[in-house]
Protein backbone atom coordinates (compact mmCIF):
# COMPACT_ATOMS: atom_id res chain seq x y z
CA MET A 1 5.86 28.69 -17.39
CA PRO A 2 8.71 28.09 -14.89
CA ALA A 3 11.91 30.03 -15.32
CA LEU A 4 15.01 28.14 -16.46
CA LYS A 5 16.68 28.69 -13.07
CA ASP A 6 13.70 26.90 -11.42
CA LEU A 7 14.06 23.90 -13.72
CA VAL A 8 17.74 23.49 -12.83
CA ASN A 9 16.87 22.95 -9.17
CA LEU A 10 14.34 20.16 -9.82
CA THR A 11 15.19 16.71 -8.50
CA ARG A 12 13.77 13.36 -9.51
CA LEU A 13 11.27 11.76 -7.19
CA ALA A 14 11.74 8.17 -6.11
CA LYS A 15 9.80 5.95 -8.46
CA PRO A 16 6.51 4.61 -7.18
CA LEU A 17 6.47 1.04 -5.98
CA THR A 18 5.79 -1.90 -8.19
CA TRP A 19 2.95 -4.24 -7.24
CA GLU A 20 5.47 -6.82 -5.98
CA GLU A 21 7.36 -4.28 -3.84
CA GLY A 22 4.10 -3.12 -2.28
CA ILE A 23 2.99 -6.66 -1.49
CA ARG A 24 6.36 -7.35 0.18
CA ILE A 25 5.92 -4.32 2.46
CA LEU A 26 2.31 -5.27 3.30
CA GLU A 27 3.38 -8.84 4.10
CA ARG A 28 6.32 -7.63 6.18
CA ASP A 29 3.93 -5.48 8.26
CA ARG A 30 1.28 -8.24 8.29
CA TYR A 31 -1.28 -6.07 6.50
CA ARG A 32 -1.57 -3.83 9.58
CA CYS A 33 -1.53 -0.02 9.39
CA GLN A 34 1.65 1.04 11.15
CA TYR A 35 0.05 4.34 12.22
CA CYS A 36 -3.38 3.44 13.63
CA GLY A 37 -3.16 -0.36 13.85
CA LEU A 38 -6.04 -1.15 11.49
CA ASP A 39 -5.86 -4.86 10.63
CA GLY A 40 -6.11 -5.14 6.86
CA ALA A 41 -6.48 -8.92 7.13
CA ALA A 42 -9.51 -8.72 9.47
CA SER A 43 -12.03 -8.12 6.71
CA PHE A 44 -12.33 -7.65 2.98
CA GLU A 45 -13.35 -4.00 3.52
CA ASN A 46 -10.22 -3.34 5.60
CA SER A 47 -8.02 -4.96 2.96
CA LEU A 48 -9.36 -2.58 0.32
CA ILE A 49 -8.02 0.49 2.10
CA MET A 50 -4.52 -0.82 2.79
CA SER A 51 -1.60 0.69 0.92
CA VAL A 52 2.07 1.52 1.38
CA ASP A 53 3.26 4.90 2.66
CA PHE A 54 6.58 6.68 2.25
CA VAL A 55 7.40 7.83 5.82
CA VAL A 56 9.47 10.64 4.32
CA PRO A 57 7.30 11.59 1.33
CA ARG A 58 8.62 11.23 -2.20
CA ALA A 59 7.99 14.95 -2.66
CA HIS A 60 10.62 15.57 0.04
CA LYS A 61 13.22 13.21 -1.42
CA GLY A 62 11.96 10.16 0.48
CA LYS A 63 13.83 7.07 -0.65
CA LYS A 64 12.22 3.91 -1.95
CA ASP A 65 13.84 1.57 0.55
CA SER A 66 12.20 -0.68 3.11
CA SER A 67 13.21 1.52 6.06
CA ASN A 68 11.17 4.39 4.57
CA LEU A 69 8.12 2.31 3.61
CA VAL A 70 5.32 1.13 5.87
CA ALA A 71 1.93 -0.52 5.47
CA ALA A 72 -0.75 2.09 6.10
CA CYS A 73 -4.45 2.55 5.59
CA ARG A 74 -5.48 5.22 3.11
CA PRO A 75 -7.19 7.41 5.77
CA CYS A 76 -3.89 7.63 7.68
CA ILE A 77 -1.96 8.35 4.49
CA LEU A 78 -4.43 11.11 3.67
CA LEU A 79 -4.20 12.65 7.15
CA LYS A 80 -0.39 12.48 7.17
CA GLY A 81 -0.12 14.15 3.79
CA ARG A 82 3.31 15.53 2.93
CA ARG A 83 4.30 16.37 6.49
CA ILE A 84 7.88 15.69 7.49
CA PHE A 85 8.69 14.04 10.82
CA ARG A 86 12.04 13.35 12.49
CA ASP A 87 11.31 9.64 12.55
CA PHE A 88 8.56 7.09 12.28
CA GLU A 89 7.69 7.28 16.00
CA GLU A 90 7.00 11.02 15.73
CA ALA A 91 4.81 10.39 12.66
CA LYS A 92 2.89 7.67 14.48
CA ALA A 93 2.36 9.86 17.57
CA HIS A 94 1.08 12.69 15.36
CA MET A 95 -1.31 10.34 13.56
CA LEU A 96 -2.71 8.85 16.77
CA ASP A 97 -3.23 12.33 18.25
CA ARG A 98 -4.90 13.57 15.06
CA LEU A 99 -7.17 10.50 14.89
CA ALA A 100 -8.19 10.93 18.55
CA LYS A 101 -9.14 14.59 17.92
CA LEU A 102 -11.12 13.70 14.79
CA HIS A 103 -12.89 10.89 16.67
CA LYS A 104 -13.93 13.33 19.43
CA GLN A 105 -15.26 15.79 16.84
CA TRP A 106 -17.17 12.99 15.11
CA GLU A 107 -18.71 11.79 18.40
CA ALA A 108 -19.86 15.32 19.27
CA LYS A 109 -21.42 15.78 15.84
CA VAL A 110 -23.21 12.42 15.96
CA ALA A 111 -24.49 13.18 19.48
CA ARG A 112 -25.95 16.51 18.26
CA LEU A 113 -27.61 14.73 15.33
CA ARG A 114 -29.14 12.13 17.64
CA VAL A 115 -30.53 14.80 19.94
CA LYS A 116 -31.89 16.73 16.96
CA SER A 117 -33.59 13.64 15.50
CA ALA A 118 -35.00 12.62 18.90
CA THR A 119 -36.64 16.03 19.36
CA ALA A 120 -38.02 16.16 15.82
């Protein structure tokens, strides 16, 4: 159980978005992930993974205003997590770098699997 002094320092998080607020952000950004560029309007499958991200996370007092909200795919939101960045451009650069590294790791793993299955 938290101590009373810990409870005094708690702050309210920004409320989550309503459906209408989320749709407005997605439409503003044309259903495109602002981190990796995934086009949510290109296919039904892509549209299913689109969401809205708080650039400065709610857990770090991120505000629920349009300058702090961007359309993003769920994989990018997951990779970004609760990290704090100076601005959106720093967040985007981090995400692109992280995605490139993960892609390289994936390619190496798939190549090893192909070699293994070819020799079996």
